[in-house]
Amino acid sequence: MPMHSILARVRIGLAALLCMVPHAQAAWSQTIGEAAELDRLRARAEEAIGNDDPDGAALSMGRAALMAKQLAKSHRDDAAAVRFYQGAEPLFRAQEHGYRAIALFRRAGGQLPASSGVCGSLALAHGSLQQALSLLVPDEQVPGDLQERTKKLRESADDWGTVVASMISDYQCS
């Protein structure tokens, strides 16, 4: 049997299964899909930067930021989740701007001092990080899993603060 025929049957079967259990599908896709997609985009960015592709890393972090913004809007009934996603968005933007600065610096030939575009991207990264740090404050009254995720994002924001400050110094941005 041809591979495309098998794939078509699998898709039809999955569609039928999801139609039979709509509530389970919605719950599964929200719980697994949202967190998994953010994690996937972040992992993709880390992989891209590990492969010396700052443009790809910036693109993935930009998508993660957009997704965080959408998730903040879709969780209006859960104040803790809204705050988490509102804090995640500027952190992801800061990472996007940092990766973009690396890409711009390389494209410009790597000459010091860095161009105004590179320094501007780093200034945007710094501003976004400040916003993230103000929003990613651990709250003892938040459910444990969300509290843990907030703590991890806060640690990531702290680490990125060091990275951005180092980049500003290394690229001779004042």
N, C-alpha and C. Protein backbone atom coordinates (compact mmCIF):
# COMPACT_ATOMS: atom_id res chain seq x y z
N MET A 1 0.86 -1.17 0.00
CA MET A 1 0.00 0.00 0.00
C MET A 1 0.90 1.24 0.00
N PRO A 2 0.63 2.22 -0.85
CA PRO A 2 1.46 3.42 -0.94
C PRO A 2 1.45 4.20 0.38
N MET A 3 2.58 4.85 0.68
CA MET A 3 2.73 5.59 1.92
C MET A 3 1.70 6.70 2.07
N HIS A 4 1.39 7.41 0.99
CA HIS A 4 0.42 8.51 1.09
C HIS A 4 -0.96 7.98 1.44
N SER A 5 -1.28 6.78 1.02
CA SER A 5 -2.56 6.17 1.35
C SER A 5 -2.62 5.82 2.83
N ILE A 6 -1.52 5.32 3.37
CA ILE A 6 -1.47 4.99 4.79
C ILE A 6 -1.61 6.25 5.62
N LEU A 7 -0.89 7.28 5.24
CA LEU A 7 -0.97 8.55 5.98
C LEU A 7 -2.38 9.13 5.93
N ALA A 8 -3.02 9.02 4.79
CA ALA A 8 -4.39 9.53 4.66
C ALA A 8 -5.32 8.78 5.60
N ARG A 9 -5.17 7.47 5.69
CA ARG A 9 -6.01 6.67 6.60
C ARG A 9 -5.75 7.02 8.05
N VAL A 10 -4.51 7.24 8.39
CA VAL A 10 -4.17 7.61 9.77
C VAL A 10 -4.81 8.96 10.11
N ARG A 11 -4.71 9.91 9.20
CA ARG A 11 -5.31 11.23 9.44
C ARG A 11 -6.82 11.13 9.60
N ILE A 12 -7.47 10.33 8.75
CA ILE A 12 -8.92 10.16 8.84
C ILE A 12 -9.29 9.52 10.17
N GLY A 13 -8.52 8.54 10.57
CA GLY A 13 -8.77 7.87 11.85
C GLY A 13 -8.62 8.82 13.02
N LEU A 14 -7.56 9.62 13.00
CA LEU A 14 -7.36 10.59 14.07
C LEU A 14 -8.47 11.64 14.09
N ALA A 15 -8.87 12.09 12.92
CA ALA A 15 -9.96 13.08 12.85
C ALA A 15 -11.25 12.50 13.42
N ALA A 16 -11.54 11.25 13.08
CA ALA A 16 -12.76 10.60 13.59
C ALA A 16 -12.68 10.47 15.11
N LEU A 17 -11.51 10.07 15.62
CA LEU A 17 -11.35 9.92 17.06
C LEU A 17 -11.54 11.26 17.77
N LEU A 18 -10.96 12.31 17.21
CA LEU A 18 -11.08 13.63 17.84
C LEU A 18 -12.51 14.16 17.78
N CYS A 19 -13.26 13.79 16.76
CA CYS A 19 -14.67 14.19 16.68
C CYS A 19 -15.52 13.47 17.71
N MET A 20 -15.14 12.25 18.03
CA MET A 20 -15.92 11.47 18.99
C MET A 20 -15.68 11.95 20.42
N VAL A 21 -14.54 12.53 20.68
CA VAL A 21 -14.20 12.94 22.03
C VAL A 21 -13.79 14.42 22.03
N PRO A 22 -14.70 15.34 21.72
CA PRO A 22 -14.29 16.74 21.57
C PRO A 22 -13.78 17.37 22.86
N HIS A 23 -14.36 17.04 23.99
CA HIS A 23 -13.91 17.66 25.23
C HIS A 23 -12.53 17.17 25.62
N ALA A 24 -12.28 15.91 25.43
CA ALA A 24 -10.96 15.37 25.74
C ALA A 24 -9.92 15.99 24.82
N GLN A 25 -10.27 16.15 23.55
CA GLN A 25 -9.34 16.74 22.60
C GLN A 25 -9.02 18.17 22.98
N ALA A 26 -10.02 18.95 23.37
CA ALA A 26 -9.80 20.34 23.74
C ALA A 26 -8.91 20.44 24.97
N ALA A 27 -9.20 19.65 25.97
CA ALA A 27 -8.39 19.68 27.19
C ALA A 27 -6.96 19.23 26.89
N TRP A 28 -6.82 18.16 26.12
CA TRP A 28 -5.49 17.65 25.80
C TRP A 28 -4.70 18.67 25.01
N SER A 29 -5.33 19.25 24.00
CA SER A 29 -4.59 20.18 23.15
C SER A 29 -4.20 21.44 23.90
N GLN A 30 -5.04 21.90 24.83
CA GLN A 30 -4.68 23.09 25.58
C GLN A 30 -3.57 22.79 26.57
N THR A 31 -3.68 21.69 27.29
CA THR A 31 -2.69 21.38 28.30
C THR A 31 -1.36 21.00 27.67
N ILE A 32 -1.41 20.06 26.76
CA ILE A 32 -0.19 19.59 26.14
C ILE A 32 0.29 20.56 25.08
N GLY A 33 -0.60 21.03 24.24
CA GLY A 33 -0.23 21.83 23.09
C GLY A 33 0.42 23.15 23.42
N GLU A 34 -0.14 23.89 24.37
CA GLU A 34 0.37 25.22 24.68
C GLU A 34 1.78 25.17 25.26
N ALA A 35 1.94 24.42 26.32
CA ALA A 35 3.25 24.35 26.96
C ALA A 35 4.25 23.67 26.04
N ALA A 36 3.81 22.64 25.37
CA ALA A 36 4.72 21.92 24.48
C ALA A 36 5.17 22.79 23.31
N GLU A 37 4.27 23.58 22.77
CA GLU A 37 4.64 24.44 21.64
C GLU A 37 5.63 25.51 22.08
N LEU A 38 5.40 26.11 23.24
CA LEU A 38 6.37 27.10 23.74
C LEU A 38 7.73 26.44 23.97
N ASP A 39 7.71 25.27 24.58
CA ASP A 39 8.97 24.55 24.82
C ASP A 39 9.64 24.18 23.50
N ARG A 40 8.85 23.76 22.52
CA ARG A 40 9.39 23.39 21.22
C ARG A 40 10.05 24.59 20.54
N LEU A 41 9.39 25.74 20.60
CA LEU A 41 9.96 26.94 19.98
C LEU A 41 11.23 27.38 20.68
N ARG A 42 11.25 27.29 22.00
CA ARG A 42 12.46 27.65 22.74
C ARG A 42 13.59 26.69 22.43
N ALA A 43 13.27 25.40 22.36
CA ALA A 43 14.29 24.39 22.03
C ALA A 43 14.81 24.61 20.62
N ARG A 44 13.91 24.97 19.72
CA ARG A 44 14.33 25.23 18.34
C ARG A 44 15.28 26.43 18.29
N ALA A 45 15.02 27.45 19.10
CA ALA A 45 15.90 28.62 19.15
C ALA A 45 17.27 28.23 19.71
N GLU A 46 17.27 27.42 20.77
CA GLU A 46 18.54 26.99 21.35
C GLU A 46 19.33 26.14 20.36
N GLU A 47 18.62 25.29 19.64
CA GLU A 47 19.28 24.46 18.62
C GLU A 47 19.86 25.34 17.51
N ALA A 48 19.08 26.34 17.10
CA ALA A 48 19.55 27.23 16.03
C ALA A 48 20.79 28.00 16.47
N ILE A 49 20.79 28.52 17.68
CA ILE A 49 21.96 29.27 18.13
C ILE A 49 23.14 28.33 18.32
N GLY A 50 22.87 27.10 18.74
CA GLY A 50 23.92 26.10 18.84
C GLY A 50 24.52 25.74 17.48
N ASN A 51 23.70 25.85 16.44
CA ASN A 51 24.16 25.60 15.07
C ASN A 51 24.65 26.87 14.39
N ASP A 52 24.90 27.90 15.18
CA ASP A 52 25.43 29.16 14.68
C ASP A 52 24.47 29.83 13.69
N ASP A 53 23.17 29.82 14.03
CA ASP A 53 22.14 30.44 13.19
C ASP A 53 21.33 31.43 14.04
N PRO A 54 21.89 32.62 14.31
CA PRO A 54 21.17 33.57 15.15
C PRO A 54 19.87 34.09 14.51
N ASP A 55 19.82 34.12 13.18
CA ASP A 55 18.56 34.54 12.53
C ASP A 55 17.45 33.53 12.81
N GLY A 56 17.76 32.26 12.71
CA GLY A 56 16.78 31.21 13.01
C GLY A 56 16.36 31.24 14.47
N ALA A 57 17.32 31.50 15.35
CA ALA A 57 17.01 31.58 16.78
C ALA A 57 16.08 32.77 17.06
N ALA A 58 16.37 33.90 16.42
CA ALA A 58 15.53 35.08 16.60
C ALA A 58 14.11 34.82 16.10
N LEU A 59 14.01 34.17 14.98
CA LEU A 59 12.69 33.85 14.42
C LEU A 59 11.89 32.96 15.36
N SER A 60 12.52 31.94 15.90
CA SER A 60 11.82 31.03 16.82
C SER A 60 11.40 31.75 18.09
N MET A 61 12.25 32.61 18.62
CA MET A 61 11.89 33.33 19.85
C MET A 61 10.80 34.36 19.56
N GLY A 62 10.81 34.95 18.38
CA GLY A 62 9.72 35.86 18.02
C GLY A 62 8.39 35.13 17.97
N ARG A 63 8.41 33.92 17.43
CA ARG A 63 7.18 33.12 17.40
C ARG A 63 6.74 32.74 18.81
N ALA A 64 7.69 32.41 19.67
CA ALA A 64 7.35 32.08 21.05
C ALA A 64 6.73 33.29 21.75
N ALA A 65 7.25 34.48 21.48
CA ALA A 65 6.69 35.69 22.08
C ALA A 65 5.26 35.93 21.61
N LEU A 66 5.04 35.74 20.32
CA LEU A 66 3.67 35.89 19.79
C LEU A 66 2.72 34.88 20.44
N MET A 67 3.19 33.66 20.59
CA MET A 67 2.35 32.63 21.19
C MET A 67 2.05 32.97 22.65
N ALA A 68 3.04 33.45 23.37
CA ALA A 68 2.82 33.84 24.77
C ALA A 68 1.77 34.95 24.86
N LYS A 69 1.83 35.89 23.93
CA LYS A 69 0.84 36.98 23.93
C LYS A 69 -0.57 36.44 23.68
N GLN A 70 -0.68 35.51 22.74
CA GLN A 70 -1.99 34.89 22.46
C GLN A 70 -2.48 34.11 23.66
N LEU A 71 -1.59 33.39 24.31
CA LEU A 71 -1.99 32.58 25.46
C LEU A 71 -2.43 33.46 26.63
N ALA A 72 -1.80 34.60 26.79
CA ALA A 72 -2.23 35.53 27.85
C ALA A 72 -3.66 35.99 27.59
N LYS A 73 -3.98 36.22 26.33
CA LYS A 73 -5.34 36.64 25.98
C LYS A 73 -6.34 35.51 26.13
N SER A 74 -5.93 34.29 25.83
CA SER A 74 -6.87 33.17 25.88
C SER A 74 -7.10 32.64 27.29
N HIS A 75 -6.28 33.06 28.25
CA HIS A 75 -6.44 32.61 29.64
C HIS A 75 -6.97 33.74 30.54
N ARG A 76 -7.84 34.55 30.00
CA ARG A 76 -8.34 35.71 30.75
C ARG A 76 -8.94 35.36 32.11
N ASP A 77 -9.47 34.13 32.23
CA ASP A 77 -10.12 33.73 33.47
C ASP A 77 -9.14 33.28 34.55
N ASP A 78 -7.89 33.14 34.21
CA ASP A 78 -6.87 32.66 35.14
C ASP A 78 -5.79 33.73 35.28
N ALA A 79 -5.91 34.54 36.32
CA ALA A 79 -5.00 35.67 36.50
C ALA A 79 -3.54 35.24 36.60
N ALA A 80 -3.28 34.11 37.26
CA ALA A 80 -1.90 33.64 37.41
C ALA A 80 -1.32 33.25 36.05
N ALA A 81 -2.10 32.58 35.23
CA ALA A 81 -1.63 32.18 33.90
C ALA A 81 -1.41 33.41 33.02
N VAL A 82 -2.31 34.38 33.12
CA VAL A 82 -2.17 35.62 32.34
C VAL A 82 -0.85 36.31 32.72
N ARG A 83 -0.58 36.41 34.00
CA ARG A 83 0.65 37.07 34.46
C ARG A 83 1.89 36.29 33.98
N PHE A 84 1.80 34.97 34.04
CA PHE A 84 2.92 34.13 33.57
C PHE A 84 3.21 34.41 32.10
N TYR A 85 2.18 34.35 31.27
CA TYR A 85 2.38 34.55 29.84
C TYR A 85 2.75 35.99 29.51
N GLN A 86 2.23 36.95 30.30
CA GLN A 86 2.62 38.34 30.09
C GLN A 86 4.08 38.56 30.45
N GLY A 87 4.60 37.79 31.38
CA GLY A 87 6.02 37.86 31.71
C GLY A 87 6.89 37.12 30.71
N ALA A 88 6.35 36.03 30.17
CA ALA A 88 7.10 35.24 29.19
C ALA A 88 7.29 36.03 27.89
N GLU A 89 6.27 36.76 27.48
CA GLU A 89 6.36 37.48 26.21
C GLU A 89 7.56 38.43 26.14
N PRO A 90 7.75 39.34 27.11
CA PRO A 90 8.91 40.24 26.99
C PRO A 90 10.25 39.51 27.15
N LEU A 91 10.28 38.41 27.92
CA LEU A 91 11.51 37.64 28.01
C LEU A 91 11.87 37.06 26.64
N PHE A 92 10.87 36.49 25.97
CA PHE A 92 11.12 35.93 24.65
C PHE A 92 11.48 37.02 23.65
N ARG A 93 10.89 38.21 23.79
CA ARG A 93 11.25 39.34 22.93
C ARG A 93 12.71 39.75 23.18
N ALA A 94 13.10 39.75 24.44
CA ALA A 94 14.48 40.11 24.77
C ALA A 94 15.45 39.13 24.12
N GLN A 95 15.12 37.86 24.18
CA GLN A 95 15.97 36.86 23.56
C GLN A 95 15.98 37.04 22.04
N GLU A 96 14.81 37.32 21.48
CA GLU A 96 14.74 37.57 20.04
C GLU A 96 15.65 38.74 19.65
N HIS A 97 15.58 39.84 20.39
CA HIS A 97 16.40 41.01 20.09
C HIS A 97 17.90 40.70 20.27
N GLY A 98 18.22 39.93 21.28
CA GLY A 98 19.62 39.55 21.50
C GLY A 98 20.17 38.73 20.34
N TYR A 99 19.39 37.74 19.91
CA TYR A 99 19.82 36.93 18.77
C TYR A 99 19.89 37.76 17.50
N ARG A 100 18.96 38.68 17.35
CA ARG A 100 18.97 39.55 16.18
C ARG A 100 20.22 40.43 16.18
N ALA A 101 20.62 40.90 17.35
CA ALA A 101 21.84 41.72 17.45
C ALA A 101 23.07 40.92 17.00
N ILE A 102 23.13 39.66 17.40
CA ILE A 102 24.26 38.82 16.97
C ILE A 102 24.28 38.70 15.44
N ALA A 103 23.10 38.45 14.87
CA ALA A 103 23.00 38.29 13.41
C ALA A 103 23.40 39.59 12.70
N LEU A 104 22.93 40.72 13.20
CA LEU A 104 23.26 42.01 12.59
C LEU A 104 24.76 42.29 12.69
N PHE A 105 25.34 41.99 13.83
CA PHE A 105 26.76 42.23 14.03
C PHE A 105 27.59 41.42 13.03
N ARG A 106 27.21 40.18 12.86
CA ARG A 106 27.94 39.33 11.90
C ARG A 106 27.77 39.83 10.47
N ARG A 107 26.53 40.19 10.12
CA ARG A 107 26.28 40.69 8.77
C ARG A 107 27.05 41.96 8.47
N ALA A 108 27.28 42.76 9.50
CA ALA A 108 28.00 44.02 9.32
C ALA A 108 29.52 43.81 9.30
N GLY A 109 29.95 42.56 9.40
CA GLY A 109 31.38 42.28 9.31
C GLY A 109 32.08 42.11 10.65
N GLY A 110 31.35 42.23 11.74
CA GLY A 110 31.94 42.01 13.05
C GLY A 110 32.91 43.09 13.49
N GLN A 111 32.75 44.28 12.95
CA GLN A 111 33.65 45.39 13.29
C GLN A 111 33.16 46.10 14.55
N LEU A 112 34.13 46.41 15.43
CA LEU A 112 33.81 47.17 16.64
C LEU A 112 34.14 48.63 16.42
N PRO A 113 33.43 49.56 17.00
CA PRO A 113 32.20 49.33 17.76
C PRO A 113 31.05 48.90 16.85
N ALA A 114 30.09 48.23 17.45
CA ALA A 114 28.96 47.73 16.69
C ALA A 114 28.13 48.87 16.13
N SER A 115 27.38 48.56 15.09
CA SER A 115 26.53 49.56 14.44
C SER A 115 25.38 49.99 15.36
N SER A 116 24.75 51.06 14.97
CA SER A 116 23.61 51.55 15.76
C SER A 116 22.46 50.53 15.73
N GLY A 117 22.34 49.76 14.66
CA GLY A 117 21.30 48.73 14.59
C GLY A 117 21.52 47.64 15.62
N VAL A 118 22.76 47.22 15.78
CA VAL A 118 23.11 46.20 16.77
C VAL A 118 22.84 46.75 18.17
N CYS A 119 23.33 47.95 18.42
CA CYS A 119 23.15 48.56 19.75
C CYS A 119 21.68 48.84 20.03
N GLY A 120 20.94 49.21 19.00
CA GLY A 120 19.50 49.42 19.16
C GLY A 120 18.78 48.13 19.53
N SER A 121 19.17 47.03 18.89
CA SER A 121 18.57 45.73 19.22
C SER A 121 18.89 45.36 20.67
N LEU A 122 20.10 45.63 21.09
CA LEU A 122 20.47 45.32 22.47
C LEU A 122 19.74 46.22 23.47
N ALA A 123 19.50 47.46 23.09
CA ALA A 123 18.71 48.35 23.95
C ALA A 123 17.27 47.83 24.07
N LEU A 124 16.71 47.35 22.97
CA LEU A 124 15.38 46.76 23.02
C LEU A 124 15.37 45.51 23.88
N ALA A 125 16.43 44.70 23.77
CA ALA A 125 16.54 43.49 24.60
C ALA A 125 16.58 43.86 26.07
N HIS A 126 17.35 44.88 26.40
CA HIS A 126 17.46 45.32 27.79
C HIS A 126 16.11 45.81 28.33
N GLY A 127 15.42 46.61 27.53
CA GLY A 127 14.11 47.11 27.96
C GLY A 127 13.10 46.00 28.14
N SER A 128 13.08 45.04 27.23
CA SER A 128 12.17 43.91 27.35
C SER A 128 12.49 43.07 28.57
N LEU A 129 13.78 42.91 28.86
CA LEU A 129 14.18 42.14 30.04
C LEU A 129 13.70 42.82 31.32
N GLN A 130 13.80 44.13 31.37
CA GLN A 130 13.33 44.84 32.56
C GLN A 130 11.84 44.62 32.77
N GLN A 131 11.10 44.63 31.68
CA GLN A 131 9.67 44.38 31.77
C GLN A 131 9.42 42.95 32.23
N ALA A 132 10.13 41.99 31.69
CA ALA A 132 9.97 40.59 32.09
C ALA A 132 10.28 40.40 33.56
N LEU A 133 11.36 41.01 34.02
CA LEU A 133 11.75 40.87 35.43
C LEU A 133 10.69 41.45 36.36
N SER A 134 10.05 42.51 35.93
CA SER A 134 9.01 43.10 36.79
C SER A 134 7.75 42.24 36.84
N LEU A 135 7.52 41.44 35.81
CA LEU A 135 6.32 40.60 35.76
C LEU A 135 6.54 39.19 36.29
N LEU A 136 7.74 38.68 36.17
CA LEU A 136 8.03 37.30 36.58
C LEU A 136 8.45 37.25 38.05
N VAL A 137 7.50 37.58 38.90
CA VAL A 137 7.73 37.57 40.34
C VAL A 137 7.02 36.35 40.92
N PRO A 138 7.76 35.46 41.59
CA PRO A 138 7.11 34.28 42.16
C PRO A 138 6.01 34.67 43.15
N ASP A 139 4.91 33.95 43.07
CA ASP A 139 3.75 34.19 43.93
C ASP A 139 3.42 32.89 44.64
N GLU A 140 3.43 32.92 45.96
CA GLU A 140 3.20 31.70 46.76
C GLU A 140 1.77 31.18 46.62
N GLN A 141 0.84 32.01 46.16
CA GLN A 141 -0.55 31.59 46.07
C GLN A 141 -0.91 30.99 44.71
N VAL A 142 0.08 30.87 43.83
CA VAL A 142 -0.12 30.31 42.49
C VAL A 142 0.06 28.80 42.58
N PRO A 143 -0.69 28.02 41.79
CA PRO A 143 -0.50 26.57 41.80
C PRO A 143 0.95 26.18 41.56
N GLY A 144 1.36 25.06 42.13
CA GLY A 144 2.75 24.62 42.12
C GLY A 144 3.41 24.55 40.76
N ASP A 145 2.72 23.98 39.77
CA ASP A 145 3.35 23.84 38.45
C ASP A 145 3.60 25.20 37.81
N LEU A 146 2.64 26.09 37.94
CA LEU A 146 2.81 27.43 37.37
C LEU A 146 3.86 28.22 38.14
N GLN A 147 3.90 28.00 39.44
CA GLN A 147 4.91 28.65 40.27
C GLN A 147 6.31 28.19 39.85
N GLU A 148 6.45 26.91 39.58
CA GLU A 148 7.74 26.37 39.14
C GLU A 148 8.14 26.91 37.77
N ARG A 149 7.19 26.97 36.87
CA ARG A 149 7.47 27.50 35.53
C ARG A 149 7.85 28.98 35.61
N THR A 150 7.19 29.73 36.48
CA THR A 150 7.51 31.15 36.66
C THR A 150 8.92 31.29 37.21
N LYS A 151 9.27 30.45 38.17
CA LYS A 151 10.60 30.48 38.76
C LYS A 151 11.67 30.20 37.70
N LYS A 152 11.43 29.22 36.83
CA LYS A 152 12.39 28.89 35.78
C LYS A 152 12.54 30.04 34.78
N LEU A 153 11.40 30.67 34.42
CA LEU A 153 11.49 31.80 33.49
C LEU A 153 12.22 32.98 34.14
N ARG A 154 12.01 33.17 35.42
CA ARG A 154 12.68 34.25 36.14
C ARG A 154 14.20 34.02 36.13
N GLU A 155 14.60 32.77 36.36
CA GLU A 155 16.02 32.43 36.32
C GLU A 155 16.59 32.67 34.92
N SER A 156 15.82 32.32 33.91
CA SER A 156 16.24 32.55 32.53
C SER A 156 16.38 34.05 32.27
N ALA A 157 15.45 34.84 32.78
CA ALA A 157 15.51 36.30 32.60
C ALA A 157 16.75 36.86 33.31
N ASP A 158 17.04 36.36 34.50
CA ASP A 158 18.25 36.81 35.21
C ASP A 158 19.50 36.48 34.40
N ASP A 159 19.54 35.26 33.87
CA ASP A 159 20.69 34.85 33.05
C ASP A 159 20.82 35.74 31.81
N TRP A 160 19.68 36.02 31.17
CA TRP A 160 19.72 36.85 29.97
C TRP A 160 20.13 38.28 30.29
N GLY A 161 19.84 38.73 31.49
CA GLY A 161 20.30 40.05 31.90
C GLY A 161 21.82 40.13 31.85
N THR A 162 22.46 39.07 32.33
CA THR A 162 23.93 38.99 32.29
C THR A 162 24.43 38.93 30.85
N VAL A 163 23.76 38.13 30.02
CA VAL A 163 24.16 37.98 28.62
C VAL A 163 24.05 39.31 27.88
N VAL A 164 22.94 39.99 28.05
CA VAL A 164 22.73 41.26 27.35
C VAL A 164 23.74 42.31 27.82
N ALA A 165 23.97 42.38 29.12
CA ALA A 165 24.96 43.34 29.63
C ALA A 165 26.34 43.05 29.06
N SER A 166 26.68 41.78 28.97
CA SER A 166 27.97 41.39 28.39
C SER A 166 28.05 41.75 26.92
N MET A 167 26.97 41.52 26.18
CA MET A 167 26.94 41.86 24.76
C MET A 167 27.08 43.36 24.56
N ILE A 168 26.39 44.14 25.39
CA ILE A 168 26.49 45.61 25.29
C ILE A 168 27.93 46.06 25.49
N SER A 169 28.59 45.45 26.46
CA SER A 169 29.99 45.78 26.74
C SER A 169 30.91 45.30 25.62
N ASP A 170 30.73 44.04 25.19
CA ASP A 170 31.59 43.48 24.16
C ASP A 170 31.45 44.20 22.81
N TYR A 171 30.23 44.60 22.50
CA TYR A 171 29.98 45.26 21.21
C TYR A 171 30.22 46.78 21.29
N GLN A 172 30.67 47.23 22.45
CA GLN A 172 31.00 48.63 22.69
C GLN A 172 29.82 49.57 22.44
N CYS A 173 28.66 49.13 22.91
CA CYS A 173 27.47 50.00 22.86
C CYS A 173 27.44 50.79 24.16
N SER A 174 27.20 52.09 24.08
CA SER A 174 27.19 52.88 25.32
C SER A 174 25.81 53.31 25.70
